[in-house]
C-alpha atoms as a PDB file:
ATOM      1  CA  MET A   1      22.876  37.520  14.147  1.00  0.00           C
ATOM      2  CA  LYS A   2      24.574  37.785  17.525  1.00  0.00           C
ATOM      3  CA  LYS A   3      27.174  35.208  16.505  1.00  0.00           C
ATOM      4  CA  LYS A   4      27.942  37.094  13.294  1.00  0.00           C
ATOM      5  CA  PHE A   5      28.295  40.350  15.252  1.00  0.00           C
ATOM      6  CA  VAL A   6      30.593  38.680  17.777  1.00  0.00           C
ATOM      7  CA  SER A   7      32.791  37.223  15.030  1.00  0.00           C
ATOM      8  CA  MET A   8      33.057  40.559  13.245  1.00  0.00           C
ATOM      9  CA  LEU A   9      33.870  42.399  16.463  1.00  0.00           C
ATOM     10  CA  LEU A  10      36.513  39.872  17.448  1.00  0.00           C
ATOM     11  CA  ALA A  11      38.094  40.065  13.995  1.00  0.00           C
ATOM     12  CA  ALA A  12      38.251  43.846  14.237  1.00  0.00           C
ATOM     13  CA  MET A  13      39.781  43.736  17.721  1.00  0.00           C
ATOM     14  CA  MET A  14      42.344  41.111  16.755  1.00  0.00           C
ATOM     15  CA  ALA A  15      43.438  43.148  13.764  1.00  0.00           C
ATOM     16  CA  GLY A  16      44.370  45.895  16.180  1.00  0.00           C
ATOM     17  CA  THR A  17      45.814  43.829  19.005  1.00  0.00           C
ATOM     18  CA  MET A  18      47.712  40.866  17.558  1.00  0.00           C
ATOM     19  CA  VAL A  19      51.419  41.397  18.107  1.00  0.00           C
ATOM     20  CA  ALA A  20      53.990  38.617  17.639  1.00  0.00           C
ATOM     21  CA  ALA A  21      51.350  35.986  18.254  1.00  0.00           C
ATOM     22  CA  VAL A  22      52.444  32.404  18.548  1.00  0.00           C
ATOM     23  CA  PRO A  23      51.129  30.094  15.827  1.00  0.00           C
ATOM     24  CA  VAL A  24      47.560  28.965  16.369  1.00  0.00           C
ATOM     25  CA  MET A  25      46.333  25.844  14.627  1.00  0.00           C
ATOM     26  CA  ALA A  26      42.887  27.140  13.649  1.00  0.00           C
ATOM     27  CA  GLU A  27      41.625  24.989  10.832  1.00  0.00           C
ATOM     28  CA  GLU A  28      38.664  27.049   9.767  1.00  0.00           C
ATOM     29  CA  SER A  29      37.004  30.391  10.374  1.00  0.00           C
ATOM     30  CA  THR A  30      33.991  30.737  12.647  1.00  0.00           C
ATOM     31  CA  GLU A  31      31.900  32.066   9.782  1.00  0.00           C
ATOM     32  CA  ALA A  32      32.785  29.149   7.502  1.00  0.00           C
ATOM     33  CA  THR A  33      31.963  26.743  10.308  1.00  0.00           C
ATOM     34  CA  THR A  34      28.619  28.435  10.862  1.00  0.00           C
ATOM     35  CA  GLU A  35      27.653  28.229   7.195  1.00  0.00           C
ATOM     36  CA  ALA A  36      28.653  24.562   6.941  1.00  0.00           C
ATOM     37  CA  THR A  37      26.786  23.640  10.093  1.00  0.00           C
ATOM     38  CA  THR A  38      23.686  25.601   9.130  1.00  0.00           C
ATOM     39  CA  GLU A  39      23.582  23.677   5.853  1.00  0.00           C
ATOM     40  CA  ALA A  40      24.132  20.376   7.639  1.00  0.00           C
ATOM     41  CA  THR A  41      21.453  21.136  10.192  1.00  0.00           C
ATOM     42  CA  ALA A  42      18.968  21.822   7.436  1.00  0.00           C
ATOM     43  CA  ASN A  43      19.393  18.198   6.370  1.00  0.00           C
ATOM     44  CA  ALA A  44      19.305  16.651   9.807  1.00  0.00           C
ATOM     45  CA  ASP A  45      16.678  16.201  12.486  1.00  0.00           C
ATOM     46  CA  LEU A  46      18.536  17.011  15.674  1.00  0.00           C
ATOM     47  CA  ALA A  47      15.576  17.277  18.027  1.00  0.00           C
ATOM     48  CA  ASP A  48      15.708  13.608  18.994  1.00  0.00           C
ATOM     49  CA  LYS A  49      19.496  13.433  19.351  1.00  0.00           C
ATOM     50  CA  LYS A  50      20.811  13.081  22.896  1.00  0.00           C
ATOM     51  CA  VAL A  51      23.824  15.179  23.898  1.00  0.00           C
ATOM     52  CA  GLY A  52      25.868  14.474  27.015  1.00  0.00           C
ATOM     53  CA  VAL A  53      28.100  17.268  28.302  1.00  0.00           C
ATOM     54  CA  CYS A  54      30.674  16.793  31.058  1.00  0.00           C
ATOM     55  CA  ILE A  55      32.058  19.945  32.715  1.00  0.00           C
ATOM     56  CA  TYR A  56      34.986  19.540  35.069  1.00  0.00           C
ATOM     57  CA  GLN A  57      33.489  21.911  37.665  1.00  0.00           C
ATOM     58  CA  PHE A  58      30.381  24.096  37.546  1.00  0.00           C
ATOM     59  CA  SER A  59      31.829  26.623  40.003  1.00  0.00           C
ATOM     60  CA  ASP A  60      34.501  27.665  37.493  1.00  0.00           C
ATOM     61  CA  ASN A  61      33.505  31.135  36.257  1.00  0.00           C
ATOM     62  CA  PHE A  62      34.669  30.631  32.691  1.00  0.00           C
ATOM     63  CA  MET A  63      33.085  27.207  32.328  1.00  0.00           C
ATOM     64  CA  THR A  64      29.791  28.674  33.555  1.00  0.00           C
ATOM     65  CA  LEU A  65      29.871  31.106  30.640  1.00  0.00           C
ATOM     66  CA  PHE A  66      30.906  28.301  28.310  1.00  0.00           C
ATOM     67  CA  ARG A  67      28.229  25.768  29.279  1.00  0.00           C
ATOM     68  CA  THR A  68      25.452  28.368  29.250  1.00  0.00           C
ATOM     69  CA  GLU A  69      26.387  29.522  25.767  1.00  0.00           C
ATOM     70  CA  LEU A  70      26.859  25.917  24.612  1.00  0.00           C
ATOM     71  CA  GLU A  71      23.373  24.881  25.715  1.00  0.00           C
ATOM     72  CA  ASN A  72      21.743  27.956  24.173  1.00  0.00           C
ATOM     73  CA  TYR A  73      23.554  27.439  20.887  1.00  0.00           C
ATOM     74  CA  LEU A  74      22.703  23.723  20.745  1.00  0.00           C
ATOM     75  CA  VAL A  75      19.032  24.566  21.205  1.00  0.00           C
ATOM     76  CA  GLY A  76      19.353  27.185  18.478  1.00  0.00           C
ATOM     77  CA  LEU A  77      20.726  24.524  16.133  1.00  0.00           C
ATOM     78  CA  GLY A  78      17.640  22.379  16.649  1.00  0.00           C
ATOM     79  CA  PHE A  79      18.480  20.111  19.592  1.00  0.00           C
ATOM     80  CA  SER A  80      15.763  19.698  22.194  1.00  0.00           C
ATOM     81  CA  LYS A  81      16.707  21.186  25.544  1.00  0.00           C
ATOM     82  CA  ASP A  82      15.236  18.093  27.173  1.00  0.00           C
ATOM     83  CA  ASN A  83      17.824  15.959  25.337  1.00  0.00           C
ATOM     84  CA  ILE A  84      20.817  18.038  26.455  1.00  0.00           C
ATOM     85  CA  THR A  85      22.234  16.859  29.770  1.00  0.00           C
ATOM     86  CA  ILE A  86      25.095  18.824  31.358  1.00  0.00           C
ATOM     87  CA  VAL A  87      26.754  17.405  34.471  1.00  0.00           C
ATOM     88  CA  ASP A  88      29.172  18.739  37.079  1.00  0.00           C
ATOM     89  CA  GLY A  89      32.318  16.703  37.628  1.00  0.00           C
ATOM     90  CA  VAL A  90      32.972  18.605  40.905  1.00  0.00           C
ATOM     91  CA  ASN A  91      36.678  18.585  39.963  1.00  0.00           C
ATOM     92  CA  ASP A  92      36.883  14.856  40.672  1.00  0.00           C
ATOM     93  CA  GLN A  93      37.929  12.484  37.903  1.00  0.00           C
ATOM     94  CA  ALA A  94      36.257   9.449  39.506  1.00  0.00           C
ATOM     95  CA  THR A  95      32.952  11.330  39.613  1.00  0.00           C
ATOM     96  CA  GLN A  96      33.296  12.384  35.988  1.00  0.00           C
ATOM     97  CA  SER A  97      34.246   8.880  34.881  1.00  0.00           C
ATOM     98  CA  GLY A  98      31.033   7.600  36.453  1.00  0.00           C
ATOM     99  CA  GLN A  99      29.075  10.278  34.626  1.00  0.00           C
ATOM    100  CA  ILE A 100      30.631   9.243  31.317  1.00  0.00           C
ATOM    101  CA  ASP A 101      29.708   5.611  32.030  1.00  0.00           C
ATOM    102  CA  SER A 102      26.124   6.708  32.672  1.00  0.00           C
ATOM    103  CA  PHE A 103      26.000   8.631  29.397  1.00  0.00           C
ATOM    104  CA  ILE A 104      27.290   5.576  27.542  1.00  0.00           C
ATOM    105  CA  ALA A 105      24.680   3.362  29.222  1.00  0.00           C
ATOM    106  CA  ASP A 106      22.030   5.911  28.246  1.00  0.00           C
ATOM    107  CA  GLU A 107      23.222   5.639  24.632  1.00  0.00           C
ATOM    108  CA  VAL A 108      23.700   9.356  24.027  1.00  0.00           C
ATOM    109  CA  ASP A 109      24.378  10.274  20.411  1.00  0.00           C
ATOM    110  CA  VAL A 110      27.391  12.513  21.072  1.00  0.00           C
ATOM    111  CA  LEU A 111      29.560  13.449  24.043  1.00  0.00           C
ATOM    112  CA  ILE A 112      31.187  16.831  24.740  1.00  0.00           C
ATOM    113  CA  ILE A 113      33.764  16.519  27.510  1.00  0.00           C
ATOM    114  CA  ASN A 114      35.777  19.045  29.519  1.00  0.00           C
ATOM    115  CA  PRO A 115      37.996  16.549  31.380  1.00  0.00           C
ATOM    116  CA  VAL A 116      38.838  16.951  35.043  1.00  0.00           C
ATOM    117  CA  ASN A 117      42.302  15.574  34.323  1.00  0.00           C
ATOM    118  CA  SER A 118      43.717  15.844  30.815  1.00  0.00           C
ATOM    119  CA  SER A 119      45.888  12.820  31.629  1.00  0.00           C
ATOM    120  CA  SER A 120      42.721  10.712  31.748  1.00  0.00           C
ATOM    121  CA  ALA A 121      41.901  11.454  28.114  1.00  0.00           C
ATOM    122  CA  SER A 122      43.205   8.162  26.738  1.00  0.00           C
ATOM    123  CA  THR A 123      40.995   6.158  29.122  1.00  0.00           C
ATOM    124  CA  ILE A 124      37.993   8.347  28.331  1.00  0.00           C
ATOM    125  CA  THR A 125      38.618   8.114  24.593  1.00  0.00           C
ATOM    126  CA  ASP A 126      38.917   4.320  24.650  1.00  0.00           C
ATOM    127  CA  LYS A 127      35.604   3.746  26.442  1.00  0.00           C
ATOM    128  CA  VAL A 128      33.681   6.333  24.383  1.00  0.00           C
ATOM    129  CA  VAL A 129      35.067   5.123  21.047  1.00  0.00           C
ATOM    130  CA  ALA A 130      34.355   1.500  22.032  1.00  0.00           C
ATOM    131  CA  ALA A 131      30.716   2.524  22.571  1.00  0.00           C
ATOM    132  CA  GLY A 132      30.574   4.028  19.079  1.00  0.00           C
ATOM    133  CA  ILE A 133      29.839   7.553  20.337  1.00  0.00           C
ATOM    134  CA  PRO A 134      31.456  10.616  18.710  1.00  0.00           C
ATOM    135  CA  LEU A 135      33.524  12.658  21.163  1.00  0.00           C
ATOM    136  CA  VAL A 136      34.317  16.381  21.309  1.00  0.00           C
ATOM    137  CA  TYR A 137      36.880  17.466  23.903  1.00  0.00           C
ATOM    138  CA  ILE A 138      36.688  21.091  25.034  1.00  0.00           C
ATOM    139  CA  ASN A 139      38.812  23.609  26.954  1.00  0.00           C
ATOM    140  CA  ARG A 140      41.357  21.166  28.440  1.00  0.00           C
ATOM    141  CA  GLU A 141      43.483  19.786  25.652  1.00  0.00           C
ATOM    142  CA  PRO A 142      44.734  16.184  25.710  1.00  0.00           C
ATOM    143  CA  ASP A 143      48.426  15.780  24.930  1.00  0.00           C
ATOM    144  CA  ALA A 144      49.864  15.451  21.433  1.00  0.00           C
ATOM    145  CA  ASP A 145      50.279  11.666  21.647  1.00  0.00           C
ATOM    146  CA  GLU A 146      46.607  11.254  22.500  1.00  0.00           C
ATOM    147  CA  GLU A 147      45.506  13.498  19.632  1.00  0.00           C
ATOM    148  CA  ALA A 148      47.768  11.567  17.260  1.00  0.00           C
ATOM    149  CA  ARG A 149      45.932   8.346  18.200  1.00  0.00           C
ATOM    150  CA  TRP A 150      42.652   9.776  16.970  1.00  0.00           C
ATOM    151  CA  GLU A 151      44.045  10.459  13.539  1.00  0.00           C
ATOM    152  CA  GLU A 152      45.975   7.202  13.319  1.00  0.00           C
ATOM    153  CA  ASN A 153      42.811   5.225  14.060  1.00  0.00           C
ATOM    154  CA  GLY A 154      40.378   7.416  12.139  1.00  0.00           C
ATOM    155  CA  TRP A 155      38.235   7.913  15.243  1.00  0.00           C
ATOM    156  CA  ASN A 156      35.369  10.399  15.536  1.00  0.00           C
ATOM    157  CA  VAL A 157      37.185  12.437  18.167  1.00  0.00           C
ATOM    158  CA  THR A 158      38.265  16.075  18.080  1.00  0.00           C
ATOM    159  CA  TYR A 159      39.464  18.852  20.366  1.00  0.00           C
ATOM    160  CA  VAL A 160      38.008  22.372  20.290  1.00  0.00           C
ATOM    161  CA  GLY A 161      39.866  25.155  22.044  1.00  0.00           C
ATOM    162  CA  CYS A 162      42.365  27.986  21.939  1.00  0.00           C
ATOM    163  CA  ASP A 163      46.139  27.630  22.063  1.00  0.00           C
ATOM    164  CA  ALA A 164      47.073  28.552  25.633  1.00  0.00           C
ATOM    165  CA  ARG A 165      50.557  29.601  24.506  1.00  0.00           C
ATOM    166  CA  GLN A 166      48.926  32.562  22.825  1.00  0.00           C
ATOM    167  CA  SER A 167      47.134  33.633  26.006  1.00  0.00           C
ATOM    168  CA  GLY A 168      50.382  33.480  27.972  1.00  0.00           C
ATOM    169  CA  THR A 169      52.183  35.428  25.273  1.00  0.00           C
ATOM    170  CA  TYR A 170      49.512  38.110  25.361  1.00  0.00           C
ATOM    171  CA  GLN A 171      49.809  38.390  29.143  1.00  0.00           C
ATOM    172  CA  GLY A 172      53.536  38.959  28.846  1.00  0.00           C
ATOM    173  CA  GLU A 173      53.030  41.492  26.075  1.00  0.00           C
ATOM    174  CA  LEU A 174      50.532  43.429  28.185  1.00  0.00           C
ATOM    175  CA  ILE A 175      53.330  43.960  30.701  1.00  0.00           C
ATOM    176  CA  ALA A 176      56.141  44.434  28.169  1.00  0.00           C
ATOM    177  CA  ASP A 177      54.150  47.142  26.392  1.00  0.00           C
ATOM    178  CA  LEU A 178      54.366  49.275  29.546  1.00  0.00           C
ATOM    179  CA  GLY A 179      58.143  49.606  29.214  1.00  0.00           C
ATOM    180  CA  LEU A 180      60.796  48.882  31.819  1.00  0.00           C
ATOM    181  CA  ASP A 181      60.817  52.442  33.178  1.00  0.00           C
ATOM    182  CA  ALA A 182      57.170  52.082  34.190  1.00  0.00           C
ATOM    183  CA  ILE A 183      57.532  48.578  35.619  1.00  0.00           C
ATOM    184  CA  ASP A 184      60.876  48.720  37.441  1.00  0.00           C
ATOM    185  CA  LYS A 185      59.810  50.430  40.651  1.00  0.00           C
ATOM    186  CA  ASN A 186      62.738  49.146  42.723  1.00  0.00           C
ATOM    187  CA  GLY A 187      65.328  50.203  40.146  1.00  0.00           C
ATOM    188  CA  ASN A 188      67.118  46.858  39.812  1.00  0.00           C
ATOM    189  CA  GLY A 189      66.709  46.720  36.030  1.00  0.00           C
ATOM    190  CA  LYS A 190      64.507  43.622  36.205  1.00  0.00           C
ATOM    191  CA  VAL A 191      60.826  42.719  36.149  1.00  0.00           C
ATOM    192  CA  ASP A 192      60.205  41.227  39.586  1.00  0.00           C
ATOM    193  CA  TYR A 193      57.060  39.100  39.498  1.00  0.00           C
ATOM    194  CA  ILE A 194      54.956  36.526  41.275  1.00  0.00           C
ATOM    195  CA  MET A 195      53.044  33.842  39.379  1.00  0.00           C
ATOM    196  CA  ILE A 196      49.722  32.356  40.476  1.00  0.00           C
ATOM    197  CA  GLU A 197      49.058  29.171  38.515  1.00  0.00           C
ATOM    198  CA  GLY A 198      45.872  27.241  37.855  1.00  0.00           C
ATOM    199  CA  ASP A 199      45.677  23.461  38.017  1.00  0.00           C
ATOM    200  CA  PRO A 200      49.285  22.318  37.418  1.00  0.00           C
ATOM    201  CA  GLU A 201      48.047  19.332  35.377  1.00  0.00           C
ATOM    202  CA  ASN A 202      46.114  21.577  33.007  1.00  0.00           C
ATOM    203  CA  VAL A 203      48.079  22.428  29.861  1.00  0.00           C
ATOM    204  CA  ASP A 204      46.511  25.911  29.861  1.00  0.00           C
ATOM    205  CA  ALA A 205      48.080  26.624  33.243  1.00  0.00           C
ATOM    206  CA  GLN A 206      51.422  25.253  32.108  1.00  0.00           C
ATOM    207  CA  TYR A 207      51.522  27.269  28.896  1.00  0.00           C
ATOM    208  CA  ARG A 208      50.226  30.504  30.407  1.00  0.00           C
ATOM    209  CA  THR A 209      52.894  30.294  33.090  1.00  0.00           C
ATOM    210  CA  GLU A 210      55.684  29.559  30.643  1.00  0.00           C
ATOM    211  CA  PHE A 211      54.783  31.866  27.787  1.00  0.00           C
ATOM    212  CA  SER A 212      53.889  34.956  29.823  1.00  0.00           C
ATOM    213  CA  VAL A 213      57.446  35.033  31.127  1.00  0.00           C
ATOM    214  CA  LYS A 214      58.894  34.045  27.747  1.00  0.00           C
ATOM    215  CA  ALA A 215      57.172  37.029  26.116  1.00  0.00           C
ATOM    216  CA  LEU A 216      58.944  39.365  28.528  1.00  0.00           C
ATOM    217  CA  GLU A 217      62.282  37.709  27.842  1.00  0.00           C
ATOM    218  CA  ASP A 218      61.675  37.801  24.090  1.00  0.00           C
ATOM    219  CA  ALA A 219      61.020  41.535  24.419  1.00  0.00           C
ATOM    220  CA  GLY A 220      64.465  41.955  25.985  1.00  0.00           C
ATOM    221  CA  PHE A 221      63.477  42.188  29.652  1.00  0.00           C
ATOM    222  CA  GLU A 222      65.422  40.528  32.448  1.00  0.00           C
ATOM    223  CA  VAL A 223      62.980  38.793  34.775  1.00  0.00           C
ATOM    224  CA  ASN A 224      63.164  37.748  38.404  1.00  0.00           C
ATOM    225  CA  GLU A 225      60.653  35.267  39.812  1.00  0.00           C
ATOM    226  CA  LEU A 226      59.941  36.085  43.444  1.00  0.00           C
ATOM    227  CA  ASP A 227      57.251  33.469  43.963  1.00  0.00           C
ATOM    228  CA  ASP A 228      55.283  30.837  42.024  1.00  0.00           C
ATOM    229  CA  GLN A 229      52.247  29.308  43.706  1.00  0.00           C
ATOM    230  CA  VAL A 230      49.314  27.102  42.664  1.00  0.00           C
ATOM    231  CA  GLY A 231      45.941  28.788  43.064  1.00  0.00           C
ATOM    232  CA  ASN A 232      43.914  26.085  41.267  1.00  0.00           C
ATOM    233  CA  TRP A 233      41.831  28.711  39.417  1.00  0.00           C
ATOM    234  CA  ASP A 234      40.240  29.777  42.734  1.00  0.00           C
ATOM    235  CA  GLN A 235      39.746  33.407  43.800  1.00  0.00           C
ATOM    236  CA  ALA A 236      39.947  32.872  47.557  1.00  0.00           C
ATOM    237  CA  THR A 237      43.060  30.707  47.265  1.00  0.00           C
ATOM    238  CA  ALA A 238      44.776  33.281  45.073  1.00  0.00           C
ATOM    239  CA  GLN A 239      43.855  36.067  47.476  1.00  0.00           C
ATOM    240  CA  GLN A 240      45.652  34.287  50.310  1.00  0.00           C
ATOM    241  CA  LEU A 241      48.665  33.349  48.198  1.00  0.00           C
ATOM    242  CA  VAL A 242      49.169  36.899  46.951  1.00  0.00           C
ATOM    243  CA  ALA A 243      48.713  38.282  50.451  1.00  0.00           C
ATOM    244  CA  ASN A 244      51.488  35.953  51.615  1.00  0.00           C
ATOM    245  CA  SER A 245      53.780  36.964  48.752  1.00  0.00           C
ATOM    246  CA  LEU A 246      53.207  40.672  49.297  1.00  0.00           C
ATOM    247  CA  SER A 247      53.891  40.227  52.996  1.00  0.00           C
ATOM    248  CA  GLN A 248      57.145  38.402  52.231  1.00  0.00           C
ATOM    249  CA  TYR A 249      58.473  40.458  49.322  1.00  0.00           C
ATOM    250  CA  GLY A 250      56.818  43.826  49.915  1.00  0.00           C
ATOM    251  CA  ASP A 251      57.459  46.573  47.399  1.00  0.00           C
ATOM    252  CA  ASP A 252      59.780  44.341  45.363  1.00  0.00           C
ATOM    253  CA  VAL A 253      56.691  42.759  43.794  1.00  0.00           C
ATOM    254  CA  GLU A 254      56.161  44.685  40.569  1.00  0.00           C
ATOM    255  CA  VAL A 255      53.986  42.318  38.542  1.00  0.00           C
ATOM    256  CA  VAL A 256      51.384  39.692  39.452  1.00  0.00           C
ATOM    257  CA  PHE A 257      50.622  37.139  36.735  1.00  0.00           C
ATOM    258  CA  CYS A 258      47.467  35.067  37.256  1.00  0.00           C
ATOM    259  CA  ASN A 259      46.525  32.182  34.962  1.00  0.00           C
ATOM    260  CA  ASN A 260      42.870  33.273  35.053  1.00  0.00           C
ATOM    261  CA  ASP A 261      40.725  36.255  36.018  1.00  0.00           C
ATOM    262  CA  ALA A 262      39.135  34.628  39.046  1.00  0.00           C
ATOM    263  CA  MET A 263      42.572  34.419  40.638  1.00  0.00           C
ATOM    264  CA  ALA A 264      43.416  37.923  39.424  1.00  0.00           C
ATOM    265  CA  LEU A 265      40.334  39.236  41.224  1.00  0.00           C
ATOM    266  CA  GLY A 266      41.555  37.555  44.408  1.00  0.00           C
ATOM    267  CA  ALA A 267      45.008  39.017  43.840  1.00  0.00           C
ATOM    268  CA  LEU A 268      43.509  42.488  43.465  1.00  0.00           C
ATOM    269  CA  GLN A 269      41.844  42.185  46.864  1.00  0.00           C
ATOM    270  CA  SER A 270      45.203  41.466  48.480  1.00  0.00           C
ATOM    271  CA  ILE A 271      47.000  44.159  46.500  1.00  0.00           C
ATOM    272  CA  GLU A 272      44.527  46.789  47.677  1.00  0.00           C
ATOM    273  CA  ALA A 273      44.621  45.455  51.250  1.00  0.00           C
ATOM    274  CA  ALA A 274      48.403  45.877  51.190  1.00  0.00           C
ATOM    275  CA  GLY A 275      48.035  49.530  50.229  1.00  0.00           C
ATOM    276  CA  ARG A 276      49.353  49.029  46.707  1.00  0.00           C
ATOM    277  CA  THR A 277      47.798  50.607  43.602  1.00  0.00           C
ATOM    278  CA  VAL A 278      47.566  48.772  40.280  1.00  0.00           C
ATOM    279  CA  GLY A 279      48.872  50.957  37.488  1.00  0.00           C
ATOM    280  CA  GLU A 280      51.044  53.004  39.831  1.00  0.00           C
ATOM    281  CA  ASP A 281      53.302  50.761  41.882  1.00  0.00           C
ATOM    282  CA  ILE A 282      52.265  47.259  40.760  1.00  0.00           C
ATOM    283  CA  PHE A 283      50.748  45.611  37.676  1.00  0.00           C
ATOM    284  CA  LEU A 284      48.230  42.766  37.397  1.00  0.00           C
ATOM    285  CA  VAL A 285      47.068  40.597  34.482  1.00  0.00           C
ATOM    286  CA  GLY A 286      44.684  37.658  34.115  1.00  0.00           C
ATOM    287  CA  VAL A 287      42.961  35.578  31.439  1.00  0.00           C
ATOM    288  CA  ASP A 288      39.277  35.013  30.528  1.00  0.00           C
ATOM    289  CA  ALA A 289      37.811  38.542  30.348  1.00  0.00           C
ATOM    290  CA  LEU A 290      35.205  37.945  33.034  1.00  0.00           C
ATOM    291  CA  SER A 291      32.805  40.889  33.364  1.00  0.00           C
ATOM    292  CA  GLU A 292      34.159  41.933  36.764  1.00  0.00           C
ATOM    293  CA  ALA A 293      37.727  41.784  35.486  1.00  0.00           C
ATOM    294  CA  LEU A 294      36.816  43.854  32.427  1.00  0.00           C
ATOM    295  CA  GLU A 295      35.279  46.475  34.700  1.00  0.00           C
ATOM    296  CA  ASP A 296      38.567  46.563  36.623  1.00  0.00           C
ATOM    297  CA  VAL A 297      40.549  46.986  33.399  1.00  0.00           C
ATOM    298  CA  ILE A 298      38.282  49.887  32.420  1.00  0.00           C
ATOM    299  CA  ALA A 299      38.738  51.427  35.876  1.00  0.00           C
ATOM    300  CA  GLY A 300      42.506  50.907  35.767  1.00  0.00           C
ATOM    301  CA  THR A 301      42.527  48.561  38.755  1.00  0.00           C
ATOM    302  CA  MET A 302      43.697  45.696  36.537  1.00  0.00           C
ATOM    303  CA  THR A 303      46.409  46.190  33.932  1.00  0.00           C
ATOM    304  CA  GLY A 304      44.793  43.908  31.370  1.00  0.00           C
ATOM    305  CA  THR A 305      43.331  40.519  30.632  1.00  0.00           C
ATOM    306  CA  VAL A 306      42.992  38.146  27.694  1.00  0.00           C
ATOM    307  CA  PHE A 307      39.589  37.306  26.235  1.00  0.00           C
ATOM    308  CA  ASN A 308      39.079  33.540  26.276  1.00  0.00           C
ATOM    309  CA  ASP A 309      36.396  33.432  23.597  1.00  0.00           C
ATOM    310  CA  HIS A 310      33.655  31.221  25.039  1.00  0.00           C
ATOM    311  CA  PHE A 311      31.351  32.189  22.175  1.00  0.00           C
ATOM    312  CA  SER A 312      33.610  30.814  19.440  1.00  0.00           C
ATOM    313  CA  GLN A 313      34.689  27.774  21.451  1.00  0.00           C
ATOM    314  CA  SER A 314      31.218  26.683  22.541  1.00  0.00           C
ATOM    315  CA  HIS A 315      29.750  27.277  19.089  1.00  0.00           C
ATOM    316  CA  SER A 316      32.580  25.378  17.418  1.00  0.00           C
ATOM    317  CA  ALA A 317      32.112  22.478  19.836  1.00  0.00           C
ATOM    318  CA  ALA A 318      28.409  22.287  19.000  1.00  0.00           C
ATOM    319  CA  ASP A 319      29.145  22.617  15.283  1.00  0.00           C
ATOM    320  CA  ALA A 320      31.642  19.751  15.542  1.00  0.00           C
ATOM    321  CA  ALA A 321      29.021  17.604  17.281  1.00  0.00           C
ATOM    322  CA  VAL A 322      26.583  18.260  14.432  1.00  0.00           C
ATOM    323  CA  ARG A 323      29.178  17.360  11.814  1.00  0.00           C
ATOM    324  CA  PHE A 324      29.808  14.052  13.570  1.00  0.00           C
ATOM    325  CA  LEU A 325      26.075  13.344  13.704  1.00  0.00           C
ATOM    326  CA  THR A 326      25.600  14.131  10.016  1.00  0.00           C
ATOM    327  CA  GLY A 327      28.576  11.993   8.994  1.00  0.00           C
ATOM    328  CA  GLU A 328      30.742  14.855   7.766  1.00  0.00           C
ATOM    329  CA  GLY A 329      33.492  14.368  10.322  1.00  0.00           C
ATOM    330  CA  ASN A 330      35.938  16.925  11.717  1.00  0.00           C
ATOM    331  CA  ASP A 331      39.569  17.866  11.831  1.00  0.00           C
ATOM    332  CA  TYR A 332      41.235  16.486  14.931  1.00  0.00           C
ATOM    333  CA  TYR A 333      42.031  19.978  16.227  1.00  0.00           C
ATOM    334  CA  ILE A 334      39.666  22.945  15.849  1.00  0.00           C
ATOM    335  CA  GLY A 335      41.290  26.121  17.093  1.00  0.00           C
ATOM    336  CA  CYS A 336      40.405  29.729  17.776  1.00  0.00           C
ATOM    337  CA  ASP A 337      42.202  32.871  18.912  1.00  0.00           C
ATOM    338  CA  TYR A 338      42.444  34.797  22.145  1.00  0.00           C
ATOM    339  CA  VAL A 339      42.149  38.600  22.178  1.00  0.00           C
ATOM    340  CA  LYS A 340      44.421  40.897  24.153  1.00  0.00           C
ATOM    341  CA  VAL A 341      42.365  43.279  26.306  1.00  0.00           C
ATOM    342  CA  THR A 342      43.483  46.709  27.527  1.00  0.00           C
ATOM    343  CA  GLN A 343      41.621  49.846  28.563  1.00  0.00           C
ATOM    344  CA  GLU A 344      41.293  50.703  24.876  1.00  0.00           C
ATOM    345  CA  ASN A 345      39.056  47.764  23.961  1.00  0.00           C
ATOM    346  CA  ALA A 346      37.791  46.501  27.345  1.00  0.00           C
ATOM    347  CA  GLN A 347      34.439  48.269  27.013  1.00  0.00           C
ATOM    348  CA  ASP A 348      33.853  46.667  23.598  1.00  0.00           C
ATOM    349  CA  VAL A 349      34.497  43.213  25.041  1.00  0.00           C
ATOM    350  CA  LEU A 350      32.347  43.936  28.100  1.00  0.00           C
ATOM    351  CA  ASP A 351      29.444  45.037  25.900  1.00  0.00           C
ATOM    352  CA  MET A 352      29.777  41.781  23.994  1.00  0.00           C
ATOM    353  CA  VAL A 353      29.916  39.374  26.930  1.00  0.00           C
ATOM    354  CA  LYS A 354      27.174  40.967  29.048  1.00  0.00           C
END
């Protein structure tokens, strides 16, 4: 029931918030996926199936939400909690590779992997496919050449996630919707911004960085990048980086783009420490819709965020695992949508994620 409510609420919010969205390659609706998986589960005994889950780093706020929801949903589908093993890659590819080897040796029935480095996907795929284990990638998308290999070879491999170009576009639109008169505090006719990026190897970080700025340009704004730094998704790192930028560029900083909410929360600490006020003389956006960030959007201390739907993604990943186990197979890309979050709908999203 909760999943149906979430899907309906997201659909309603997206109907009111989608503006000039980039194409998203969603192959099927969440509801259709649920019905198909429910039917499949009825014909399959999942309790004795072993599931291995690799998360790139447990300390990541979003992945904590994701893995918790994933485990709960898997249990709800009929998997035994004792047969679900979720491991922390501690943001180290060598560590994660060893964990994958252990799962293969343990003869798990399906693997769900959030890779530390997307560039390692081909190596991961080769060893998992060679072991005859179905593989579901989540959150960090392998490149197009890697995904093409799966289809060319007919492998039981898929990727479940959202198109990060959409999240970046929504970030840019959150700022563009304010209008140049509101943004241009120094009167130079431009949007002067600093960018705080996540892991530079992560395609989500790359696309959010690129498409947030592109959305402003597409809306007719002239932009001026004052600073672009790598915060690696980390709140404390972002806090220091933004403090440095504000010290260097002062009141010329009009917008702070952060590739995720954790970094946006760090940025907010530095903005307030510098005596600046979000919504008055500076604007701040993130991605993920963490509870604390949503509370800031409601309070006006964050301009907006983008809901990275961990419900839909984790459920779709589990559903894909079931379809592999029941022999139905999957598309090679299973997509979902982000949701733009402003003060108008932040409370609805907060009520849903709490």
